[in-house]
């Protein structure tokens, strides 16, 4: 099954979420971006840049800026049929400058028993 990452109605890319860490509830898999991914790529590159900083206050502040920016995007994950997949957060591991290969989607999936009704 494939999943779509969306910014409102805009599809940013797709992923099969090929693996699941059941303990942490994290689904992950390769991410195939659309051209629209460029709209949000700078946010995910904040994470990459922050992790290049040495441990300490500057890195902590840079990561806090990333988390705030990521959460403000309001990204959603849907099935190919358009059904919403509840998540706590969605992250794109974007380590390669200017490349669309090697990207990975990571999503903290909300278990069925913990979903809001």
PDB file of N, CA and C in Angstrom:
ATOM      1  N   UNK A   1       0.848  -1.179   0.000  1.00  0.00           N
ATOM      2  CA  UNK A   1       0.000   0.000   0.000  1.00  0.00           C
ATOM      3  C   UNK A   1       0.888   1.235   0.000  1.00  0.00           C
ATOM      4  N   UNK A   2       0.493   2.210  -0.755  1.00  0.00           N
ATOM      5  CA  UNK A   2       1.226   3.455  -0.803  1.00  0.00           C
ATOM      6  C   UNK A   2       0.521   4.538  -0.004  1.00  0.00           C
ATOM      7  N   UNK A   3       1.279   5.496   0.449  1.00  0.00           N
ATOM      8  CA  UNK A   3       0.756   6.607   1.224  1.00  0.00           C
ATOM      9  C   UNK A   3       1.193   7.906   0.565  1.00  0.00           C
ATOM     10  N   UNK A   4       0.373   8.932   0.726  1.00  0.00           N
ATOM     11  CA  UNK A   4       0.688  10.241   0.181  1.00  0.00           C
ATOM     12  C   UNK A   4       0.899  11.218   1.333  1.00  0.00           C
ATOM     13  N   UNK A   5       1.948  12.027   1.208  1.00  0.00           N
ATOM     14  CA  UNK A   5       2.172  13.117   2.145  1.00  0.00           C
ATOM     15  C   UNK A   5       1.577  14.361   1.512  1.00  0.00           C
ATOM     16  N   UNK A   6       0.731  15.050   2.287  1.00  0.00           N
ATOM     17  CA  UNK A   6       0.013  16.206   1.738  1.00  0.00           C
ATOM     18  C   UNK A   6       0.220  17.455   2.590  1.00  0.00           C
ATOM     19  N   UNK A   7       0.252  18.573   1.898  1.00  0.00           N
ATOM     20  CA  UNK A   7       0.187  19.896   2.505  1.00  0.00           C
ATOM     21  C   UNK A   7      -1.145  20.450   2.019  1.00  0.00           C
ATOM     22  N   UNK A   8      -2.147  20.379   2.887  1.00  0.00           N
ATOM     23  CA  UNK A   8      -3.537  20.657   2.500  1.00  0.00           C
ATOM     24  C   UNK A   8      -3.910  19.700   1.377  1.00  0.00           C
ATOM     25  N   UNK A   9      -4.279  20.185   0.210  1.00  0.00           N
ATOM     26  CA  UNK A   9      -4.666  19.279  -0.881  1.00  0.00           C
ATOM     27  C   UNK A   9      -3.516  18.969  -1.833  1.00  0.00           C
ATOM     28  N   UNK A  10      -2.342  19.536  -1.579  1.00  0.00           N
ATOM     29  CA  UNK A  10      -1.196  19.355  -2.461  1.00  0.00           C
ATOM     30  C   UNK A  10      -0.413  18.101  -2.056  1.00  0.00           C
ATOM     31  N   UNK A  11      -0.215  17.191  -2.992  1.00  0.00           N
ATOM     32  CA  UNK A  11       0.566  15.980  -2.728  1.00  0.00           C
ATOM     33  C   UNK A  11       2.053  16.329  -2.853  1.00  0.00           C
ATOM     34  N   UNK A  12       2.781  16.133  -1.753  1.00  0.00           N
ATOM     35  CA  UNK A  12       4.212  16.435  -1.719  1.00  0.00           C
ATOM     36  C   UNK A  12       5.057  15.249  -2.165  1.00  0.00           C
ATOM     37  N   UNK A  13       4.489  14.048  -2.060  1.00  0.00           N
ATOM     38  CA  UNK A  13       5.214  12.848  -2.443  1.00  0.00           C
ATOM     39  C   UNK A  13       4.518  11.618  -1.907  1.00  0.00           C
ATOM     40  N   UNK A  14       5.128  10.471  -2.193  1.00  0.00           N
ATOM     41  CA  UNK A  14       4.548   9.193  -1.786  1.00  0.00           C
ATOM     42  C   UNK A  14       5.590   8.303  -1.132  1.00  0.00           C
ATOM     43  N   UNK A  15       5.098   7.356  -0.350  1.00  0.00           N
ATOM     44  CA  UNK A  15       5.972   6.375   0.299  1.00  0.00           C
ATOM     45  C   UNK A  15       5.177   5.102   0.558  1.00  0.00           C
ATOM     46  N   UNK A  16       5.834   3.949   0.452  1.00  0.00           N
ATOM     47  CA  UNK A  16       5.152   2.711   0.813  1.00  0.00           C
ATOM     48  C   UNK A  16       5.148   2.462   2.324  1.00  0.00           C
ATOM     49  N   UNK A  17       5.880   3.287   3.087  1.00  0.00           N
ATOM     50  CA  UNK A  17       6.067   3.016   4.520  1.00  0.00           C
ATOM     51  C   UNK A  17       6.336   1.531   4.699  1.00  0.00           C
ATOM     52  N   UNK A  18       7.403   1.098   4.086  1.00  0.00           N
ATOM     53  CA  UNK A  18       7.729  -0.318   3.962  1.00  0.00           C
ATOM     54  C   UNK A  18       8.075  -1.001   5.283  1.00  0.00           C
ATOM     55  N   UNK A  19       8.410  -0.236   6.308  1.00  0.00           N
ATOM     56  CA  UNK A  19       8.810  -0.847   7.567  1.00  0.00           C
ATOM     57  C   UNK A  19       8.087  -0.167   8.726  1.00  0.00           C
ATOM     58  N   UNK A  20       7.939  -0.899   9.822  1.00  0.00           N
ATOM     59  CA  UNK A  20       7.278  -0.357  10.998  1.00  0.00           C
ATOM     60  C   UNK A  20       8.034  -0.793  12.236  1.00  0.00           C
ATOM     61  N   UNK A  21       8.422   0.186  13.035  1.00  0.00           N
ATOM     62  CA  UNK A  21       8.999  -0.073  14.345  1.00  0.00           C
ATOM     63  C   UNK A  21       7.816  -0.143  15.301  1.00  0.00           C
ATOM     64  N   UNK A  22       7.374  -1.351  15.609  1.00  0.00           N
ATOM     65  CA  UNK A  22       6.157  -1.517  16.402  1.00  0.00           C
ATOM     66  C   UNK A  22       6.294  -0.955  17.816  1.00  0.00           C
ATOM     67  N   UNK A  23       7.477  -1.016  18.396  1.00  0.00           N
ATOM     68  CA  UNK A  23       7.655  -0.489  19.751  1.00  0.00           C
ATOM     69  C   UNK A  23       7.414   1.012  19.787  1.00  0.00           C
ATOM     70  N   UNK A  24       7.957   1.711  18.809  1.00  0.00           N
ATOM     71  CA  UNK A  24       7.809   3.163  18.773  1.00  0.00           C
ATOM     72  C   UNK A  24       6.644   3.637  17.928  1.00  0.00           C
ATOM     73  N   UNK A  25       6.033   2.719  17.175  1.00  0.00           N
ATOM     74  CA  UNK A  25       4.941   3.101  16.301  1.00  0.00           C
ATOM     75  C   UNK A  25       5.377   3.993  15.150  1.00  0.00           C
ATOM     76  N   UNK A  26       6.618   3.829  14.727  1.00  0.00           N
ATOM     77  CA  UNK A  26       7.164   4.660  13.652  1.00  0.00           C
ATOM     78  C   UNK A  26       7.161   3.865  12.352  1.00  0.00           C
ATOM     79  N   UNK A  27       6.455   4.398  11.356  1.00  0.00           N
ATOM     80  CA  UNK A  27       6.497   3.822  10.023  1.00  0.00           C
ATOM     81  C   UNK A  27       7.512   4.587   9.206  1.00  0.00           C
ATOM     82  N   UNK A  28       8.244   3.879   8.360  1.00  0.00           N
ATOM     83  CA  UNK A  28       9.225   4.578   7.531  1.00  0.00           C
ATOM     84  C   UNK A  28       9.438   3.830   6.232  1.00  0.00           C
ATOM     85  N   UNK A  29       9.897   4.590   5.258  1.00  0.00           N
ATOM     86  CA  UNK A  29      10.167   4.014   3.956  1.00  0.00           C
ATOM     87  C   UNK A  29      10.680   5.074   3.009  1.00  0.00           C
ATOM     88  N   UNK A  30      11.124   4.660   1.841  1.00  0.00           N
ATOM     89  CA  UNK A  30      11.638   5.628   0.867  1.00  0.00           C
ATOM     90  C   UNK A  30      10.542   6.623   0.487  1.00  0.00           C
ATOM     91  N   UNK A  31      10.961   7.851   0.230  1.00  0.00           N
ATOM     92  CA  UNK A  31      10.023   8.923  -0.116  1.00  0.00           C
ATOM     93  C   UNK A  31      10.303   9.378  -1.537  1.00  0.00           C
ATOM     94  N   UNK A  32       9.270   9.340  -2.361  1.00  0.00           N
ATOM     95  CA  UNK A  32       9.366   9.808  -3.751  1.00  0.00           C
ATOM     96  C   UNK A  32       8.663  11.159  -3.832  1.00  0.00           C
ATOM     97  N   UNK A  33       9.422  12.251  -3.881  1.00  0.00           N
ATOM     98  CA  UNK A  33       8.797  13.571  -3.864  1.00  0.00           C
ATOM     99  C   UNK A  33       8.186  13.962  -5.205  1.00  0.00           C
ATOM    100  N   UNK A  34       7.180  14.811  -5.142  1.00  0.00           N
ATOM    101  CA  UNK A  34       6.680  15.487  -6.330  1.00  0.00           C
ATOM    102  C   UNK A  34       7.419  16.828  -6.395  1.00  0.00           C
ATOM    103  N   UNK A  35       7.188  17.590  -7.449  1.00  0.00           N
ATOM    104  CA  UNK A  35       7.816  18.913  -7.546  1.00  0.00           C
ATOM    105  C   UNK A  35       7.372  19.810  -6.394  1.00  0.00           C
ATOM    106  N   UNK A  36       6.186  19.566  -5.851  1.00  0.00           N
ATOM    107  CA  UNK A  36       5.657  20.384  -4.764  1.00  0.00           C
ATOM    108  C   UNK A  36       6.461  20.222  -3.471  1.00  0.00           C
ATOM    109  N   UNK A  37       7.255  19.157  -3.359  1.00  0.00           N
ATOM    110  CA  UNK A  37       8.080  18.968  -2.155  1.00  0.00           C
ATOM    111  C   UNK A  37       8.991  20.164  -1.923  1.00  0.00           C
ATOM    112  N   UNK A  38       9.366  20.846  -2.995  1.00  0.00           N
ATOM    113  CA  UNK A  38      10.227  22.024  -2.852  1.00  0.00           C
ATOM    114  C   UNK A  38       9.598  23.100  -1.978  1.00  0.00           C
ATOM    115  N   UNK A  39       8.270  23.074  -1.827  1.00  0.00           N
ATOM    116  CA  UNK A  39       7.587  24.039  -0.961  1.00  0.00           C
ATOM    117  C   UNK A  39       7.969  23.860   0.507  1.00  0.00           C
ATOM    118  N   UNK A  40       8.236  22.618   0.908  1.00  0.00           N
ATOM    119  CA  UNK A  40       8.519  22.328   2.319  1.00  0.00           C
ATOM    120  C   UNK A  40       9.941  21.860   2.579  1.00  0.00           C
ATOM    121  N   UNK A  41      10.688  21.591   1.538  1.00  0.00           N
ATOM    122  CA  UNK A  41      12.050  21.073   1.707  1.00  0.00           C
ATOM    123  C   UNK A  41      12.903  21.926   2.639  1.00  0.00           C
ATOM    124  N   UNK A  42      12.832  23.264   2.562  1.00  0.00           N
ATOM    125  CA  UNK A  42      13.664  24.064   3.484  1.00  0.00           C
ATOM    126  C   UNK A  42      13.411  23.751   4.954  1.00  0.00           C
ATOM    127  N   UNK A  43      12.182  23.385   5.303  1.00  0.00           N
ATOM    128  CA  UNK A  43      11.879  23.043   6.696  1.00  0.00           C
ATOM    129  C   UNK A  43      12.640  21.781   7.095  1.00  0.00           C
ATOM    130  N   UNK A  44      12.602  20.749   6.262  1.00  0.00           N
ATOM    131  CA  UNK A  44      13.283  19.504   6.604  1.00  0.00           C
ATOM    132  C   UNK A  44      14.803  19.640   6.561  1.00  0.00           C
ATOM    133  N   UNK A  45      15.282  20.566   5.761  1.00  0.00           N
ATOM    134  CA  UNK A  45      16.724  20.829   5.730  1.00  0.00           C
ATOM    135  C   UNK A  45      17.188  21.519   7.017  1.00  0.00           C
ATOM    136  N   UNK A  46      16.262  22.176   7.731  1.00  0.00           N
ATOM    137  CA  UNK A  46      16.607  22.743   9.039  1.00  0.00           C
ATOM    138  C   UNK A  46      17.075  21.644   9.992  1.00  0.00           C
ATOM    139  N   UNK A  47      16.400  20.503   9.936  1.00  0.00           N
ATOM    140  CA  UNK A  47      16.765  19.367  10.786  1.00  0.00           C
ATOM    141  C   UNK A  47      18.175  18.875  10.441  1.00  0.00           C
ATOM    142  N   UNK A  48      18.434  18.739   9.155  1.00  0.00           N
ATOM    143  CA  UNK A  48      19.746  18.287   8.699  1.00  0.00           C
ATOM    144  C   UNK A  48      20.828  19.246   9.165  1.00  0.00           C
ATOM    145  N   UNK A  49      20.585  20.534   8.996  1.00  0.00           N
ATOM    146  CA  UNK A  49      21.574  21.547   9.404  1.00  0.00           C
ATOM    147  C   UNK A  49      21.770  21.536  10.912  1.00  0.00           C
ATOM    148  N   UNK A  50      20.689  21.398  11.665  1.00  0.00           N
ATOM    149  CA  UNK A  50      20.788  21.392  13.130  1.00  0.00           C
ATOM    150  C   UNK A  50      21.632  20.227  13.619  1.00  0.00           C
ATOM    151  N   UNK A  51      21.496  19.079  12.988  1.00  0.00           N
ATOM    152  CA  UNK A  51      22.247  17.905  13.428  1.00  0.00           C
ATOM    153  C   UNK A  51      23.714  17.947  13.040  1.00  0.00           C
ATOM    154  N   UNK A  52      24.106  18.901  12.228  1.00  0.00           N
ATOM    155  CA  UNK A  52      25.522  19.093  11.905  1.00  0.00           C
ATOM    156  C   UNK A  52      26.217  19.959  12.956  1.00  0.00           C
ATOM    157  N   UNK A  53      25.424  20.626  13.802  1.00  0.00           N
ATOM    158  CA  UNK A  53      25.983  21.461  14.857  1.00  0.00           C
ATOM    159  C   UNK A  53      26.486  20.589  16.004  1.00  0.00           C
ATOM    160  N   UNK A  54      27.503  21.062  16.726  1.00  0.00           N
ATOM    161  CA  UNK A  54      27.953  20.302  17.899  1.00  0.00           C
ATOM    162  C   UNK A  54      26.872  20.305  18.984  1.00  0.00           C
ATOM    163  N   UNK A  55      26.899  19.279  19.820  1.00  0.00           N
ATOM    164  CA  UNK A  55      25.950  19.196  20.937  1.00  0.00           C
ATOM    165  C   UNK A  55      26.026  20.489  21.736  1.00  0.00           C
ATOM    166  N   UNK A  56      24.878  20.961  22.190  1.00  0.00           N
ATOM    167  CA  UNK A  56      24.860  22.172  22.999  1.00  0.00           C
ATOM    168  C   UNK A  56      23.655  23.033  22.706  1.00  0.00           C
ATOM    169  N   UNK A  57      23.690  24.241  23.252  1.00  0.00           N
ATOM    170  CA  UNK A  57      22.549  25.145  23.173  1.00  0.00           C
ATOM    171  C   UNK A  57      22.187  25.516  21.738  1.00  0.00           C
ATOM    172  N   UNK A  58      23.166  25.765  20.894  1.00  0.00           N
ATOM    173  CA  UNK A  58      22.876  26.163  19.512  1.00  0.00           C
ATOM    174  C   UNK A  58      22.135  25.049  18.775  1.00  0.00           C
ATOM    175  N   UNK A  59      22.568  23.812  18.982  1.00  0.00           N
ATOM    176  CA  UNK A  59      21.895  22.684  18.336  1.00  0.00           C
ATOM    177  C   UNK A  59      20.474  22.510  18.876  1.00  0.00           C
ATOM    178  N   UNK A  60      20.315  22.625  20.177  1.00  0.00           N
ATOM    179  CA  UNK A  60      18.999  22.498  20.807  1.00  0.00           C
ATOM    180  C   UNK A  60      18.051  23.561  20.274  1.00  0.00           C
ATOM    181  N   UNK A  61      18.522  24.796  20.150  1.00  0.00           N
ATOM    182  CA  UNK A  61      17.688  25.882  19.630  1.00  0.00           C
ATOM    183  C   UNK A  61      17.343  25.652  18.159  1.00  0.00           C
ATOM    184  N   UNK A  62      18.312  25.182  17.374  1.00  0.00           N
ATOM    185  CA  UNK A  62      18.061  24.917  15.956  1.00  0.00           C
ATOM    186  C   UNK A  62      17.031  23.798  15.787  1.00  0.00           C
ATOM    187  N   UNK A  63      17.122  22.765  16.602  1.00  0.00           N
ATOM    188  CA  UNK A  63      16.138  21.679  16.538  1.00  0.00           C
ATOM    189  C   UNK A  63      14.751  22.167  16.969  1.00  0.00           C
ATOM    190  N   UNK A  64      14.700  23.026  17.960  1.00  0.00           N
ATOM    191  CA  UNK A  64      13.415  23.579  18.391  1.00  0.00           C
ATOM    192  C   UNK A  64      12.777  24.388  17.261  1.00  0.00           C
ATOM    193  N   UNK A  65      13.580  25.151  16.514  1.00  0.00           N
ATOM    194  CA  UNK A  65      13.059  25.897  15.365  1.00  0.00           C
ATOM    195  C   UNK A  65      12.517  24.933  14.307  1.00  0.00           C
ATOM    196  N   UNK A  66      13.255  23.841  14.079  1.00  0.00           N
ATOM    197  CA  UNK A  66      12.791  22.847  13.111  1.00  0.00           C
ATOM    198  C   UNK A  66      11.447  22.255  13.530  1.00  0.00           C
ATOM    199  N   UNK A  67      11.348  21.786  14.780  1.00  0.00           N
ATOM    200  CA  UNK A  67      10.106  21.151  15.236  1.00  0.00           C
ATOM    201  C   UNK A  67       8.926  22.123  15.134  1.00  0.00           C
ATOM    202  N   UNK A  68       9.134  23.377  15.497  1.00  0.00           N
ATOM    203  CA  UNK A  68       8.065  24.373  15.400  1.00  0.00           C
ATOM    204  C   UNK A  68       7.649  24.585  13.941  1.00  0.00           C
ATOM    205  N   UNK A  69       8.630  24.694  13.057  1.00  0.00           N
ATOM    206  CA  UNK A  69       8.333  24.906  11.632  1.00  0.00           C
ATOM    207  C   UNK A  69       7.637  23.689  11.039  1.00  0.00           C
ATOM    208  N   UNK A  70       8.116  22.485  11.380  1.00  0.00           N
ATOM    209  CA  UNK A  70       7.495  21.258  10.874  1.00  0.00           C
ATOM    210  C   UNK A  70       6.056  21.144  11.336  1.00  0.00           C
ATOM    211  N   UNK A  71       5.821  21.370  12.611  1.00  0.00           N
ATOM    212  CA  UNK A  71       4.470  21.238  13.150  1.00  0.00           C
ATOM    213  C   UNK A  71       3.530  22.289  12.574  1.00  0.00           C
ATOM    214  N   UNK A  72       4.046  23.474  12.259  1.00  0.00           N
ATOM    215  CA  UNK A  72       3.219  24.545  11.690  1.00  0.00           C
ATOM    216  C   UNK A  72       2.747  24.216  10.275  1.00  0.00           C
ATOM    217  N   UNK A  73       3.450  23.304   9.593  1.00  0.00           N
ATOM    218  CA  UNK A  73       3.050  22.937   8.239  1.00  0.00           C
ATOM    219  C   UNK A  73       1.699  22.243   8.200  1.00  0.00           C
ATOM    220  N   UNK A  74       1.370  21.506   9.242  1.00  0.00           N
ATOM    221  CA  UNK A  74       0.101  20.784   9.269  1.00  0.00           C
ATOM    222  C   UNK A  74       0.018  19.695   8.212  1.00  0.00           C
ATOM    223  N   UNK A  75       1.105  18.970   8.018  1.00  0.00           N
ATOM    224  CA  UNK A  75       1.138  17.909   7.009  1.00  0.00           C
ATOM    225  C   UNK A  75       0.209  16.766   7.389  1.00  0.00           C
ATOM    226  N   UNK A  76      -0.335  16.119   6.369  1.00  0.00           N
ATOM    227  CA  UNK A  76      -1.183  14.957   6.607  1.00  0.00           C
ATOM    228  C   UNK A  76      -0.692  13.789   5.766  1.00  0.00           C
ATOM    229  N   UNK A  77      -0.978  12.617   6.250  1.00  0.00           N
ATOM    230  CA  UNK A  77      -0.648  11.386   5.553  1.00  0.00           C
ATOM    231  C   UNK A  77      -1.969  10.722   5.186  1.00  0.00           C
ATOM    232  N   UNK A  78      -2.091  10.291   3.942  1.00  0.00           N
ATOM    233  CA  UNK A  78      -3.308   9.627   3.495  1.00  0.00           C
ATOM    234  C   UNK A  78      -2.954   8.351   2.747  1.00  0.00           C
ATOM    235  N   UNK A  79      -3.930   7.469   2.679  1.00  0.00           N
ATOM    236  CA  UNK A  79      -3.774   6.291   1.832  1.00  0.00           C
ATOM    237  C   UNK A  79      -3.944   6.752   0.388  1.00  0.00           C
ATOM    238  N   UNK A  80      -3.652   5.864  -0.548  1.00  0.00           N
ATOM    239  CA  UNK A  80      -3.834   6.207  -1.956  1.00  0.00           C
ATOM    240  C   UNK A  80      -5.306   6.519  -2.257  1.00  0.00           C
ATOM    241  N   UNK A  81      -6.214   5.947  -1.458  1.00  0.00           N
ATOM    242  CA  UNK A  81      -7.645   6.191  -1.634  1.00  0.00           C
ATOM    243  C   UNK A  81      -8.089   7.513  -1.007  1.00  0.00           C
ATOM    244  N   UNK A  82      -7.152   8.224  -0.352  1.00  0.00           N
ATOM    245  CA  UNK A  82      -7.472   9.517   0.233  1.00  0.00           C
ATOM    246  C   UNK A  82      -7.930   9.476   1.671  1.00  0.00           C
ATOM    247  N   UNK A  83      -7.870   8.304   2.310  1.00  0.00           N
ATOM    248  CA  UNK A  83      -8.271   8.190   3.711  1.00  0.00           C
ATOM    249  C   UNK A  83      -7.141   8.683   4.612  1.00  0.00           C
ATOM    250  N   UNK A  84      -7.485   9.497   5.596  1.00  0.00           N
ATOM    251  CA  UNK A  84      -6.490  10.050   6.517  1.00  0.00           C
ATOM    252  C   UNK A  84      -5.873   8.950   7.378  1.00  0.00           C
ATOM    253  N   UNK A  85      -4.577   9.053   7.601  1.00  0.00           N
ATOM    254  CA  UNK A  85      -3.849   8.156   8.492  1.00  0.00           C
ATOM    255  C   UNK A  85      -3.385   9.013   9.670  1.00  0.00           C
ATOM    256  N   UNK A  86      -3.971   8.814  10.862  1.00  0.00           N
ATOM    257  CA  UNK A  86      -3.599   9.648  12.005  1.00  0.00           C
ATOM    258  C   UNK A  86      -2.121   9.489  12.379  1.00  0.00           C
ATOM    259  N   UNK A  87      -1.466  10.633  12.556  1.00  0.00           N
ATOM    260  CA  UNK A  87      -0.047  10.653  12.938  1.00  0.00           C
ATOM    261  C   UNK A  87       0.159  11.672  14.055  1.00  0.00           C
ATOM    262  N   UNK A  88       1.209  11.454  14.831  1.00  0.00           N
ATOM    263  CA  UNK A  88       1.633  12.463  15.808  1.00  0.00           C
ATOM    264  C   UNK A  88       2.554  13.464  15.130  1.00  0.00           C
ATOM    265  N   UNK A  89       3.381  12.978  14.203  1.00  0.00           N
ATOM    266  CA  UNK A  89       4.266  13.836  13.412  1.00  0.00           C
ATOM    267  C   UNK A  89       4.714  13.087  12.169  1.00  0.00           C
ATOM    268  N   UNK A  90       5.172  13.862  11.191  1.00  0.00           N
ATOM    269  CA  UNK A  90       5.726  13.315   9.955  1.00  0.00           C
ATOM    270  C   UNK A  90       7.041  14.035   9.699  1.00  0.00           C
ATOM    271  N   UNK A  91       8.058  13.281   9.337  1.00  0.00           N
ATOM    272  CA  UNK A  91       9.390  13.841   9.093  1.00  0.00           C
ATOM    273  C   UNK A  91       9.932  13.272   7.783  1.00  0.00           C
ATOM    274  N   UNK A  92      10.636  14.103   7.038  1.00  0.00           N
ATOM    275  CA  UNK A  92      11.364  13.634   5.859  1.00  0.00           C
ATOM    276  C   UNK A  92      12.848  13.724   6.167  1.00  0.00           C
ATOM    277  N   UNK A  93      13.505  12.586   6.124  1.00  0.00           N
ATOM    278  CA  UNK A  93      14.961  12.549   6.292  1.00  0.00           C
ATOM    279  C   UNK A  93      15.536  12.979   4.949  1.00  0.00           C
ATOM    280  N   UNK A  94      16.081  14.183   4.915  1.00  0.00           N
ATOM    281  CA  UNK A  94      16.552  14.816   3.685  1.00  0.00           C
ATOM    282  C   UNK A  94      18.006  15.208   3.902  1.00  0.00           C
ATOM    283  N   UNK A  95      18.894  14.289   3.591  1.00  0.00           N
ATOM    284  CA  UNK A  95      20.313  14.510   3.878  1.00  0.00           C
ATOM    285  C   UNK A  95      21.141  14.921   2.682  1.00  0.00           C
ATOM    286  N   UNK A  96      20.570  14.843   1.486  1.00  0.00           N
ATOM    287  CA  UNK A  96      21.354  15.062   0.274  1.00  0.00           C
ATOM    288  C   UNK A  96      20.991  16.406  -0.337  1.00  0.00           C
ATOM    289  N   UNK A  97      21.964  17.303  -0.428  1.00  0.00           N
ATOM    290  CA  UNK A  97      21.723  18.612  -1.022  1.00  0.00           C
ATOM    291  C   UNK A  97      21.287  18.491  -2.465  1.00  0.00           C
ATOM    292  N   UNK A  98      20.108  19.039  -2.749  1.00  0.00           N
ATOM    293  CA  UNK A  98      19.626  19.128  -4.116  1.00  0.00           C
ATOM    294  C   UNK A  98      19.208  17.825  -4.771  1.00  0.00           C
ATOM    295  N   UNK A  99      19.261  16.712  -4.062  1.00  0.00           N
ATOM    296  CA  UNK A  99      18.921  15.427  -4.682  1.00  0.00           C
ATOM    297  C   UNK A  99      17.528  14.975  -4.250  1.00  0.00           C
ATOM    298  N   UNK A 100      16.859  14.290  -5.133  1.00  0.00           N
ATOM    299  CA  UNK A 100      15.540  13.744  -4.804  1.00  0.00           C
ATOM    300  C   UNK A 100      15.649  12.266  -4.467  1.00  0.00           C
ATOM    301  N   UNK A 101      16.846  11.718  -4.476  1.00  0.00           N
ATOM    302  CA  UNK A 101      17.031  10.311  -4.132  1.00  0.00           C
ATOM    303  C   UNK A 101      17.537  10.210  -2.702  1.00  0.00           C
ATOM    304  N   UNK A 102      17.298   9.092  -2.078  1.00  0.00           N
ATOM    305  CA  UNK A 102      17.777   8.875  -0.721  1.00  0.00           C
ATOM    306  C   UNK A 102      16.915   9.531   0.339  1.00  0.00           C
ATOM    307  N   UNK A 103      15.754  10.058  -0.028  1.00  0.00           N
ATOM    308  CA  UNK A 103      14.858  10.650   0.944  1.00  0.00           C
ATOM    309  C   UNK A 103      14.075   9.540   1.645  1.00  0.00           C
ATOM    310  N   UNK A 104      13.764   9.763   2.924  1.00  0.00           N
ATOM    311  CA  UNK A 104      12.993   8.779   3.677  1.00  0.00           C
ATOM    312  C   UNK A 104      11.880   9.483   4.449  1.00  0.00           C
ATOM    313  N   UNK A 105      10.676   8.946   4.357  1.00  0.00           N
ATOM    314  CA  UNK A 105       9.552   9.452   5.137  1.00  0.00           C
ATOM    315  C   UNK A 105       9.493   8.667   6.437  1.00  0.00           C
ATOM    316  N   UNK A 106       9.330   9.374   7.531  1.00  0.00           N
ATOM    317  CA  UNK A 106       9.159   8.756   8.840  1.00  0.00           C
ATOM    318  C   UNK A 106       7.895   9.354   9.442  1.00  0.00           C
ATOM    319  N   UNK A 107       7.039   8.517  10.000  1.00  0.00           N
ATOM    320  CA  UNK A 107       5.786   8.992  10.576  1.00  0.00           C
ATOM    321  C   UNK A 107       5.494   8.269  11.877  1.00  0.00           C
ATOM    322  N   UNK A 108       5.164   9.042  12.914  1.00  0.00           N
ATOM    323  CA  UNK A 108       4.736   8.465  14.184  1.00  0.00           C
ATOM    324  C   UNK A 108       3.240   8.214  14.072  1.00  0.00           C
ATOM    325  N   UNK A 109       2.891   6.957  13.900  1.00  0.00           N
ATOM    326  CA  UNK A 109       1.502   6.567  13.675  1.00  0.00           C
ATOM    327  C   UNK A 109       0.749   6.467  14.996  1.00  0.00           C
ATOM    328  N   UNK A 110      -0.477   6.946  15.003  1.00  0.00           N
ATOM    329  CA  UNK A 110      -1.317   6.878  16.200  1.00  0.00           C
ATOM    330  C   UNK A 110      -2.035   5.534  16.189  1.00  0.00           C
ATOM    331  N   UNK A 111      -1.832   4.710  17.229  1.00  0.00           N
ATOM    332  CA  UNK A 111      -2.509   3.414  17.276  1.00  0.00           C
ATOM    333  C   UNK A 111      -4.025   3.590  17.305  1.00  0.00           C
ATOM    334  N   UNK A 112      -4.776   2.642  16.731  1.00  0.00           N
ATOM    335  CA  UNK A 112      -6.238   2.764  16.686  1.00  0.00           C
ATOM    336  C   UNK A 112      -6.886   3.045  18.033  1.00  0.00           C
ATOM    337  N   UNK A 113      -6.396   2.463  19.097  1.00  0.00           N
ATOM    338  CA  UNK A 113      -6.994   2.687  20.419  1.00  0.00           C
ATOM    339  C   UNK A 113      -6.730   4.054  21.008  1.00  0.00           C
ATOM    340  N   UNK A 114      -5.806   4.808  20.446  1.00  0.00           N
ATOM    341  CA  UNK A 114      -5.436   6.126  20.976  1.00  0.00           C
ATOM    342  C   UNK A 114      -5.959   7.262  20.108  1.00  0.00           C
ATOM    343  N   UNK A 115      -6.698   6.958  19.049  1.00  0.00           N
ATOM    344  CA  UNK A 115      -7.187   7.984  18.138  1.00  0.00           C
ATOM    345  C   UNK A 115      -8.352   8.735  18.750  1.00  0.00           C
ATOM    346  N   UNK A 116      -8.408  10.044  18.433  1.00  0.00           N
ATOM    347  CA  UNK A 116      -9.522  10.874  18.893  1.00  0.00           C
ATOM    348  C   UNK A 116     -10.769  10.504  18.118  1.00  0.00           C
ATOM    349  N   UNK A 117     -11.870  10.562  18.783  1.00  0.00           N
ATOM    350  CA  UNK A 117     -13.149  10.229  18.131  1.00  0.00           C
ATOM    351  C   UNK A 117     -13.938  11.476  17.857  1.00  0.00           C
TER     352      UNK A 117
END
